[in-house]
Amino acid sequence: MSQRVIQLRKETAEEPDLLARPMPAMRRKRGIKGHLLAFVLLALVPTVAAGVYLYGFAADQYVAEFRFNLRRAAEPVLAGGANNGNPSGALVATGLTASQIWDSQTIVQFIRSRDVVDALEAELGFERLYRRAEVDWVSRLGDARSIERKTEYWRGMVEPFFDAMTGVISVSVRAFTPEDALAVANAVLRSAEKTVNDLSTRAQKDAIAFGEEEVAKADRRLVEARVAVRDFRDKAEMVDPGRSVEVDINLQAHQRERLATLQAQYNSISKSAPNSPQLRHLGVEIAAIEGIIRDQQAGMTQGRKAAPEKSGGPTITALMGGYEALKLEEAFREKLYLFALQFAEQSRIEAMRQKLYLNAFVKPKLPEEALHPRRLRIIAIVFFVGLVAWGLGSLAYYSIRDHL
């Protein structure tokens, strides 16, 4: 009896629990329904929603484009393909100078900046253009009044691009009507041109001001040197010490020549007529001339100011040494002044040659067809993303289920 009970219990334990385990067909049916539901939620619903919004509510956006480059009045253009060991070979290969690239990048950043938003607000009314009532709430400018939000919105409506190979800057501007797109593009172009002119004018003024400052410094130094020469003349009581010395030397030479003549007469008369009364007169005259010569020599060696009879001042040698030093300093500063004038003129010419200007070779035109939003592309992207999400989700689901 007990053996029969034990056998029945074993058979009962080995029988499958039909209620606990679903049939394979039921499991497959549930899996298919779950996959379909996930596909609908992750792929179809977002795609349909995007299509309804894009074709039913999204406002058309028109694009106005213009292109320009930055040039200087006399810009040396580099040429060549290889760098040849030059660290700036990349710039050489493009045919652009470093200044052109930097200036172009500056303007690209300016177009995306708050300054352009302020300029558009003042000229056209930025909020009025991008907050139209007929534009859908996703595309139009929000109700936020802060300039930071406006600038962020503007960066989504403008696309500046700098081509480093050609130096061309392309700018695309979006708006909700063709007229607004054209007006905004023209306003941005004017703002960019004004900024370029301001940068160029500032650089020119700095270069010219530096040259003029050097001229002013050289002029002050020259005036100081000339004042020193004038003070020296006033102190020495001579208009021109060099000329005064030359006059003294010529006068002394004349006196010596006259002395030689008188001495020759004296010697001749003393030999022919020793008792002649003329000898006395010649002797007095010779003595007087010798005294004049001694006084002149004393004035040149012992020192004097204005006249030989005034002694006690600096010697002629000292006067000439000081005067020549001052004249050399004056001549040196005159040359520095001339160099400063030449440098200032060269700076002015170079500043004119380096004048930066904006060359807009493609002007903004009135758009005829809305290019944004690109509805089919957006719908395809939404569907593809949903499909990828559905596939990854399914893969994760089966991977987890197989490990349980």
Protein backbone atom coordinates (compact mmCIF):
# COMPACT_ATOMS: atom_id res chain seq x y z
CA MET A 1 0.00 0.00 0.00
CA SER A 2 2.71 2.42 0.96
CA GLN A 3 4.75 1.56 -2.15
CA ARG A 4 1.71 2.39 -4.35
CA VAL A 5 1.35 5.82 -2.74
CA ILE A 6 5.01 6.60 -3.23
CA GLN A 7 4.82 5.64 -6.92
CA LEU A 8 1.76 7.87 -7.47
CA ARG A 9 3.52 10.82 -5.88
CA LYS A 10 6.52 10.41 -8.19
CA GLU A 11 4.35 10.26 -11.27
CA THR A 12 2.48 13.35 -10.12
CA ALA A 13 5.73 15.27 -9.54
CA GLU A 14 7.05 14.37 -12.99
CA GLU A 15 3.94 15.62 -14.82
CA PRO A 16 4.31 19.18 -16.30
CA ASP A 17 2.40 22.07 -14.80
CA LEU A 18 0.28 23.08 -17.76
CA LEU A 19 -1.16 26.08 -15.93
CA ALA A 20 2.24 27.48 -14.90
CA ARG A 21 3.85 27.34 -18.36
CA PRO A 22 2.14 28.94 -21.36
CA MET A 23 2.04 27.14 -24.64
CA PRO A 24 4.80 28.05 -27.20
CA ALA A 25 2.23 29.47 -29.62
CA MET A 26 0.88 31.80 -26.98
CA ARG A 27 4.39 33.02 -26.18
CA ARG A 28 5.13 33.76 -29.82
CA LYS A 29 1.85 35.63 -30.15
CA ARG A 30 2.61 37.80 -27.16
CA GLY A 31 6.12 38.53 -28.50
CA ILE A 32 4.79 39.63 -31.86
CA LYS A 33 2.27 41.94 -30.24
CA GLY A 34 4.95 43.42 -28.00
CA HIS A 35 7.26 44.02 -30.96
CA LEU A 36 4.52 45.66 -32.96
CA LEU A 37 3.54 47.87 -30.05
CA ALA A 38 7.15 48.92 -29.48
CA PHE A 39 7.61 49.62 -33.20
CA VAL A 40 4.48 51.76 -33.25
CA LEU A 41 5.50 53.72 -30.14
CA LEU A 42 9.16 54.19 -31.01
CA ALA A 43 9.08 54.60 -34.79
CA LEU A 44 5.63 55.21 -36.25
CA VAL A 45 4.16 57.57 -33.67
CA PRO A 46 7.16 59.99 -33.65
CA THR A 47 7.30 59.88 -37.46
CA VAL A 48 3.59 60.64 -37.82
CA ALA A 49 3.83 63.37 -35.19
CA ALA A 50 6.79 64.93 -36.98
CA GLY A 51 4.94 64.79 -40.30
CA VAL A 52 1.82 66.39 -38.83
CA TYR A 53 3.86 69.19 -37.30
CA LEU A 54 6.09 69.81 -40.30
CA TYR A 55 3.32 69.80 -42.91
CA GLY A 56 0.55 71.19 -40.76
CA PHE A 57 2.12 73.78 -38.45
CA ALA A 58 5.82 74.45 -39.18
CA ALA A 59 6.38 77.83 -40.80
CA ASP A 60 8.39 78.17 -43.98
CA GLN A 61 11.84 79.67 -43.58
CA TYR A 62 13.48 81.60 -46.42
CA VAL A 63 17.24 81.89 -46.82
CA ALA A 64 19.15 84.91 -48.14
CA GLU A 65 22.85 84.36 -48.77
CA PHE A 66 25.77 86.66 -49.47
CA ARG A 67 29.51 86.14 -49.84
CA PHE A 68 32.49 88.39 -49.32
CA ASN A 69 36.17 88.41 -48.56
CA LEU A 70 38.52 90.77 -46.75
CA ARG A 71 41.30 92.49 -48.64
CA ARG A 72 43.91 95.12 -47.99
CA ALA A 73 44.90 97.92 -50.32
CA ALA A 74 48.29 96.27 -50.91
CA GLU A 75 48.20 92.79 -49.43
CA PRO A 76 51.14 90.56 -50.38
CA VAL A 77 49.65 87.20 -51.34
CA LEU A 78 51.80 84.20 -50.55
CA ALA A 79 52.08 81.42 -53.08
CA GLY A 80 53.31 77.88 -53.04
CA GLY A 81 52.18 74.44 -52.04
CA ALA A 82 54.81 72.93 -49.76
CA ASN A 83 55.92 74.46 -46.53
CA ASN A 84 59.63 73.88 -47.33
CA GLY A 85 60.46 73.75 -43.65
CA ASN A 86 58.44 76.88 -42.98
CA PRO A 87 56.16 76.48 -39.93
CA SER A 88 53.61 78.69 -41.64
CA GLY A 89 53.56 76.48 -44.71
CA ALA A 90 49.88 75.77 -44.19
CA LEU A 91 49.19 79.45 -44.73
CA VAL A 92 51.44 79.53 -47.76
CA ALA A 93 49.56 76.62 -49.27
CA THR A 94 46.26 78.45 -49.00
CA GLY A 95 47.59 81.67 -50.55
CA LEU A 96 46.37 83.63 -47.52
CA THR A 97 48.33 85.59 -44.96
CA ALA A 98 47.90 85.09 -41.24
CA SER A 99 46.34 88.54 -40.93
CA GLN A 100 43.70 87.67 -43.53
CA ILE A 101 42.75 84.50 -41.67
CA TRP A 102 42.61 86.28 -38.31
CA ASP A 103 40.58 89.16 -39.70
CA SER A 104 38.14 86.78 -41.40
CA GLN A 105 37.68 84.70 -38.25
CA THR A 106 37.04 87.91 -36.31
CA ILE A 107 34.22 88.90 -38.67
CA VAL A 108 32.71 85.39 -38.53
CA GLN A 109 32.58 85.62 -34.74
CA PHE A 110 31.15 89.12 -34.97
CA ILE A 111 28.26 87.97 -37.19
CA ARG A 112 27.26 85.48 -34.49
CA SER A 113 27.62 88.00 -31.68
CA ARG A 114 25.28 90.08 -29.58
CA ASP A 115 26.38 93.24 -31.38
CA VAL A 116 24.63 92.09 -34.56
CA VAL A 117 21.46 91.34 -32.58
CA ASP A 118 21.55 94.86 -31.15
CA ALA A 119 22.12 96.31 -34.63
CA LEU A 120 19.19 94.33 -36.07
CA GLU A 121 16.96 95.40 -33.19
CA ALA A 122 17.82 99.05 -33.76
CA GLU A 123 17.52 98.94 -37.55
CA LEU A 124 14.75 96.42 -38.29
CA GLY A 125 13.23 95.32 -35.00
CA PHE A 126 14.66 91.90 -34.21
CA GLU A 127 11.73 90.79 -32.05
CA ARG A 128 9.16 91.92 -34.60
CA LEU A 129 10.83 89.90 -37.36
CA TYR A 130 11.23 86.66 -35.45
CA ARG A 131 8.20 86.76 -33.18
CA ARG A 132 5.42 86.92 -35.73
CA ALA A 133 2.02 85.60 -34.64
CA GLU A 134 1.59 83.44 -37.74
CA VAL A 135 4.82 81.55 -37.04
CA ASP A 136 4.56 78.31 -35.07
CA TRP A 137 5.68 78.42 -31.46
CA VAL A 138 8.58 76.02 -32.04
CA SER A 139 10.20 78.12 -34.78
CA ARG A 140 9.58 81.65 -33.57
CA LEU A 141 11.49 83.61 -30.96
CA GLY A 142 10.26 82.79 -27.49
CA ASP A 143 8.85 85.22 -24.98
CA ALA A 144 12.18 85.53 -23.20
CA ARG A 145 13.38 89.14 -23.31
CA SER A 146 16.98 88.60 -22.24
CA ILE A 147 19.65 89.45 -24.78
CA GLU A 148 21.37 86.13 -24.10
CA ARG A 149 18.30 84.19 -25.28
CA LYS A 150 17.99 86.41 -28.34
CA THR A 151 21.64 85.88 -29.20
CA GLU A 152 21.26 82.12 -28.81
CA TYR A 153 18.20 82.18 -31.09
CA TRP A 154 20.06 84.33 -33.64
CA ARG A 155 22.91 81.83 -33.82
CA GLY A 156 20.37 79.28 -34.97
CA MET A 157 19.13 81.58 -37.74
CA VAL A 158 22.50 82.61 -39.21
CA GLU A 159 25.22 80.37 -40.65
CA PRO A 160 28.56 82.11 -41.35
CA PHE A 161 31.27 79.92 -42.85
CA PHE A 162 34.88 80.82 -43.59
CA ASP A 163 36.69 78.88 -46.31
CA ALA A 164 40.37 78.97 -45.35
CA MET A 165 41.40 77.77 -48.81
CA THR A 166 39.89 80.70 -50.69
CA GLY A 167 39.39 83.31 -47.97
CA VAL A 168 35.67 83.57 -48.82
CA ILE A 169 33.11 84.08 -46.05
CA SER A 170 29.62 82.76 -46.87
CA VAL A 171 26.69 83.87 -44.73
CA SER A 172 23.18 82.37 -44.85
CA VAL A 173 20.38 84.17 -43.01
CA ARG A 174 16.93 82.72 -42.29
CA ALA A 175 13.64 84.55 -41.87
CA PHE A 176 9.94 83.73 -42.20
CA THR A 177 9.27 85.88 -45.27
CA PRO A 178 11.42 86.54 -48.35
CA GLU A 179 11.42 90.27 -47.66
CA ASP A 180 12.55 89.79 -44.07
CA ALA A 181 15.34 87.43 -45.13
CA LEU A 182 16.63 89.98 -47.65
CA ALA A 183 16.39 92.86 -45.16
CA VAL A 184 18.21 90.94 -42.44
CA ALA A 185 20.96 89.83 -44.83
CA ASN A 186 21.55 93.40 -46.00
CA ALA A 187 21.62 94.64 -42.41
CA VAL A 188 24.14 91.99 -41.41
CA LEU A 189 26.31 92.88 -44.40
CA ARG A 190 26.24 96.56 -43.46
CA SER A 191 27.14 95.77 -39.85
CA ALA A 192 30.03 93.57 -40.95
CA GLU A 193 31.31 96.25 -43.32
CA LYS A 194 31.09 98.90 -40.59
CA THR A 195 33.03 96.67 -38.21
CA VAL A 196 35.73 96.07 -40.82
CA ASN A 197 36.03 99.81 -41.42
CA ASP A 198 36.20 100.51 -37.69
CA LEU A 199 38.96 97.93 -37.20
CA SER A 200 40.90 99.31 -40.15
CA THR A 201 40.50 102.93 -39.03
CA ARG A 202 41.62 102.10 -35.51
CA ALA A 203 44.73 100.32 -36.80
CA GLN A 204 45.50 103.26 -39.10
CA LYS A 205 45.11 105.78 -36.28
CA ASP A 206 47.35 103.75 -33.98
CA ALA A 207 50.10 103.50 -36.61
CA ILE A 208 49.91 107.19 -37.54
CA ALA A 209 49.70 108.28 -33.90
CA PHE A 210 52.85 106.31 -33.08
CA GLY A 211 54.73 108.02 -35.92
CA GLU A 212 53.49 111.45 -34.84
CA GLU A 213 54.48 110.72 -31.25
CA GLU A 214 58.01 109.91 -32.38
CA VAL A 215 58.13 113.17 -34.35
CA ALA A 216 56.98 115.10 -31.28
CA LYS A 217 59.69 113.49 -29.13
CA ALA A 218 62.39 114.23 -31.71
CA ASP A 219 61.14 117.80 -32.03
CA ARG A 220 61.34 118.35 -28.27
CA ARG A 221 64.89 117.00 -28.18
CA LEU A 222 65.92 119.22 -31.09
CA VAL A 223 64.45 122.28 -29.39
CA GLU A 224 66.36 121.42 -26.21
CA ALA A 225 69.62 121.16 -28.18
CA ARG A 226 69.03 124.49 -29.89
CA VAL A 227 68.21 126.16 -26.59
CA ALA A 228 71.46 124.80 -25.15
CA VAL A 229 73.42 126.29 -28.07
CA ARG A 230 71.66 129.63 -27.64
CA ASP A 231 72.36 129.69 -23.89
CA PHE A 232 76.00 128.89 -24.54
CA ARG A 233 76.27 131.82 -26.96
CA ASP A 234 74.60 134.15 -24.50
CA LYS A 235 76.94 133.04 -21.72
CA ALA A 236 80.04 133.39 -23.90
CA GLU A 237 78.74 136.72 -25.26
CA MET A 238 79.40 135.51 -28.80
CA VAL A 239 77.04 135.02 -31.62
CA ASP A 240 79.26 132.29 -33.05
CA PRO A 241 82.37 131.25 -31.09
CA GLY A 242 83.75 129.45 -34.10
CA ARG A 243 83.41 132.55 -36.22
CA SER A 244 84.92 134.69 -33.47
CA VAL A 245 87.99 132.46 -33.25
CA GLU A 246 88.36 132.61 -37.01
CA VAL A 247 88.21 136.42 -36.89
CA ASP A 248 90.81 136.50 -34.11
CA ILE A 249 93.14 134.24 -36.07
CA ASN A 250 92.76 136.33 -39.22
CA LEU A 251 93.34 139.54 -37.24
CA GLN A 252 96.46 138.10 -35.61
CA ALA A 253 97.77 136.98 -38.99
CA HIS A 254 97.23 140.48 -40.32
CA GLN A 255 99.08 141.99 -37.35
CA ARG A 256 102.00 139.59 -37.79
CA GLU A 257 102.18 140.43 -41.47
CA ARG A 258 102.25 144.14 -40.64
CA LEU A 259 104.84 143.52 -37.93
CA ALA A 260 107.06 141.72 -40.40
CA THR A 261 106.78 144.62 -42.83
CA LEU A 262 107.70 147.21 -40.17
CA GLN A 263 110.60 145.13 -38.93
CA ALA A 264 111.95 144.86 -42.45
CA GLN A 265 111.73 148.66 -42.86
CA TYR A 266 113.40 149.16 -39.51
CA ASN A 267 116.29 146.89 -40.39
CA SER A 268 116.74 148.52 -43.77
CA ILE A 269 116.79 152.08 -42.38
CA SER A 270 119.04 151.16 -39.47
CA LYS A 271 121.64 149.88 -41.92
CA SER A 272 121.45 152.81 -44.32
CA ALA A 273 120.78 155.67 -41.86
CA PRO A 274 121.39 154.63 -38.26
CA ASN A 275 120.67 158.12 -36.94
CA SER A 276 117.43 158.64 -38.85
CA PRO A 277 114.54 159.94 -36.67
CA GLN A 278 112.20 157.56 -38.52
CA LEU A 279 113.72 154.65 -36.62
CA ARG A 280 112.22 155.94 -33.38
CA HIS A 281 108.75 156.13 -34.91
CA LEU A 282 109.08 152.63 -36.40
CA GLY A 283 110.27 151.24 -33.07
CA VAL A 284 107.23 152.61 -31.26
CA GLU A 285 104.87 151.20 -33.87
CA ILE A 286 106.61 147.79 -33.79
CA ALA A 287 106.32 147.67 -30.00
CA ALA A 288 102.62 148.55 -30.18
CA ILE A 289 101.89 145.80 -32.70
CA GLU A 290 103.85 143.26 -30.66
CA GLY A 291 101.74 144.21 -27.63
CA ILE A 292 98.56 143.69 -29.61
CA ILE A 293 99.75 140.26 -30.75
CA ARG A 294 100.68 139.29 -27.17
CA ASP A 295 97.26 140.35 -25.93
CA GLN A 296 95.56 138.32 -28.64
CA GLN A 297 97.61 135.23 -27.81
CA ALA A 298 96.94 135.70 -24.11
CA GLY A 299 93.22 135.95 -24.81
CA MET A 300 93.26 132.68 -26.73
CA THR A 301 95.44 130.75 -24.25
CA GLN A 302 94.66 132.30 -20.85
CA GLY A 303 90.96 132.90 -21.35
CA ARG A 304 88.59 135.72 -22.21
CA LYS A 305 84.95 136.29 -22.95
CA ALA A 306 83.99 138.90 -25.45
CA ALA A 307 87.18 140.79 -26.03
CA PRO A 308 90.88 140.20 -25.61
CA GLU A 309 91.10 142.75 -22.81
CA LYS A 310 88.59 140.72 -20.70
CA SER A 311 90.32 137.77 -19.09
CA GLY A 312 89.44 135.29 -16.38
CA GLY A 313 86.82 133.41 -18.43
CA PRO A 314 87.16 130.06 -20.13
CA THR A 315 89.85 129.69 -22.71
CA ILE A 316 89.11 129.73 -26.39
CA THR A 317 89.99 126.05 -26.49
CA ALA A 318 87.47 125.31 -23.75
CA LEU A 319 84.86 127.49 -25.44
CA MET A 320 85.39 125.77 -28.74
CA GLY A 321 85.26 122.31 -27.13
CA GLY A 322 81.95 123.01 -25.39
CA TYR A 323 80.49 124.75 -28.41
CA GLU A 324 81.46 121.96 -30.80
CA ALA A 325 79.94 119.37 -28.44
CA LEU A 326 76.68 121.28 -28.38
CA LYS A 327 76.69 121.72 -32.15
CA LEU A 328 77.32 117.99 -32.63
CA GLU A 329 74.41 117.19 -30.32
CA GLU A 330 72.24 119.64 -32.24
CA ALA A 331 73.22 118.07 -35.58
CA PHE A 332 72.57 114.57 -34.20
CA ARG A 333 69.12 115.57 -32.98
CA GLU A 334 68.38 117.22 -36.31
CA LYS A 335 69.10 113.90 -38.01
CA LEU A 336 66.89 112.09 -35.50
CA TYR A 337 64.14 114.58 -36.23
CA LEU A 338 64.48 113.99 -39.97
CA PHE A 339 64.41 110.23 -39.40
CA ALA A 340 61.28 110.63 -37.26
CA LEU A 341 59.61 112.65 -40.01
CA GLN A 342 60.54 109.98 -42.54
CA PHE A 343 59.27 107.22 -40.23
CA ALA A 344 55.98 109.06 -39.68
CA GLU A 345 55.49 109.44 -43.41
CA GLN A 346 56.30 105.78 -44.02
CA SER A 347 53.88 104.81 -41.24
CA ARG A 348 51.15 106.87 -42.85
CA ILE A 349 51.79 105.33 -46.27
CA GLU A 350 51.96 101.81 -44.82
CA ALA A 351 48.74 102.41 -42.90
CA MET A 352 47.03 103.41 -46.14
CA ARG A 353 48.44 100.34 -47.89
CA GLN A 354 47.22 98.08 -45.08
CA LYS A 355 43.70 99.52 -45.09
CA LEU A 356 41.23 96.67 -44.72
CA TYR A 357 38.03 96.63 -46.72
CA LEU A 358 35.14 94.24 -47.27
CA ASN A 359 34.61 93.04 -50.82
CA ALA A 360 31.06 91.69 -51.17
CA PHE A 361 31.13 89.97 -54.55
CA VAL A 362 27.82 88.11 -53.99
CA LYS A 363 25.07 90.46 -52.82
CA PRO A 364 21.95 89.30 -50.96
CA LYS A 365 19.03 88.52 -53.28
CA LEU A 366 15.32 88.07 -52.63
CA PRO A 367 14.67 84.34 -52.08
CA GLU A 368 11.86 82.74 -54.09
CA GLU A 369 11.43 79.39 -52.36
CA ALA A 370 11.52 78.29 -48.73
CA LEU A 371 14.48 76.00 -48.06
CA HIS A 372 13.65 75.24 -44.43
CA PRO A 373 12.42 73.21 -42.73
CA ARG A 374 13.52 70.28 -44.87
CA ARG A 375 10.47 68.21 -44.12
CA LEU A 376 11.20 64.92 -45.86
CA ARG A 377 14.72 64.81 -44.49
CA ILE A 378 13.55 65.48 -40.95
CA ILE A 379 10.81 62.84 -41.20
CA ALA A 380 13.31 60.31 -42.54
CA ILE A 381 15.70 61.09 -39.70
CA VAL A 382 12.95 60.74 -37.08
CA PHE A 383 11.87 57.40 -38.54
CA PHE A 384 15.45 56.14 -38.72
CA VAL A 385 16.17 57.12 -35.13
CA GLY A 386 12.96 55.47 -33.97
CA LEU A 387 13.79 52.35 -35.94
CA VAL A 388 17.24 52.17 -34.39
CA ALA A 389 15.77 52.68 -30.92
CA TRP A 390 13.22 49.93 -31.55
CA GLY A 391 15.92 47.55 -32.79
CA LEU A 392 18.21 48.23 -29.85
CA GLY A 393 15.32 47.84 -27.42
CA SER A 394 14.32 44.52 -28.94
CA LEU A 395 17.89 43.28 -28.83
CA ALA A 396 18.20 44.26 -25.18
CA TYR A 397 14.87 42.61 -24.33
CA TYR A 398 15.81 39.25 -25.86
CA SER A 399 19.29 39.37 -24.38
CA ILE A 400 17.90 39.89 -20.88
CA ARG A 401 15.18 37.27 -21.31
CA ASP A 402 17.64 34.63 -22.47
CA HIS A 403 19.74 35.11 -19.35
CA LEU A 404 16.85 34.75 -16.92
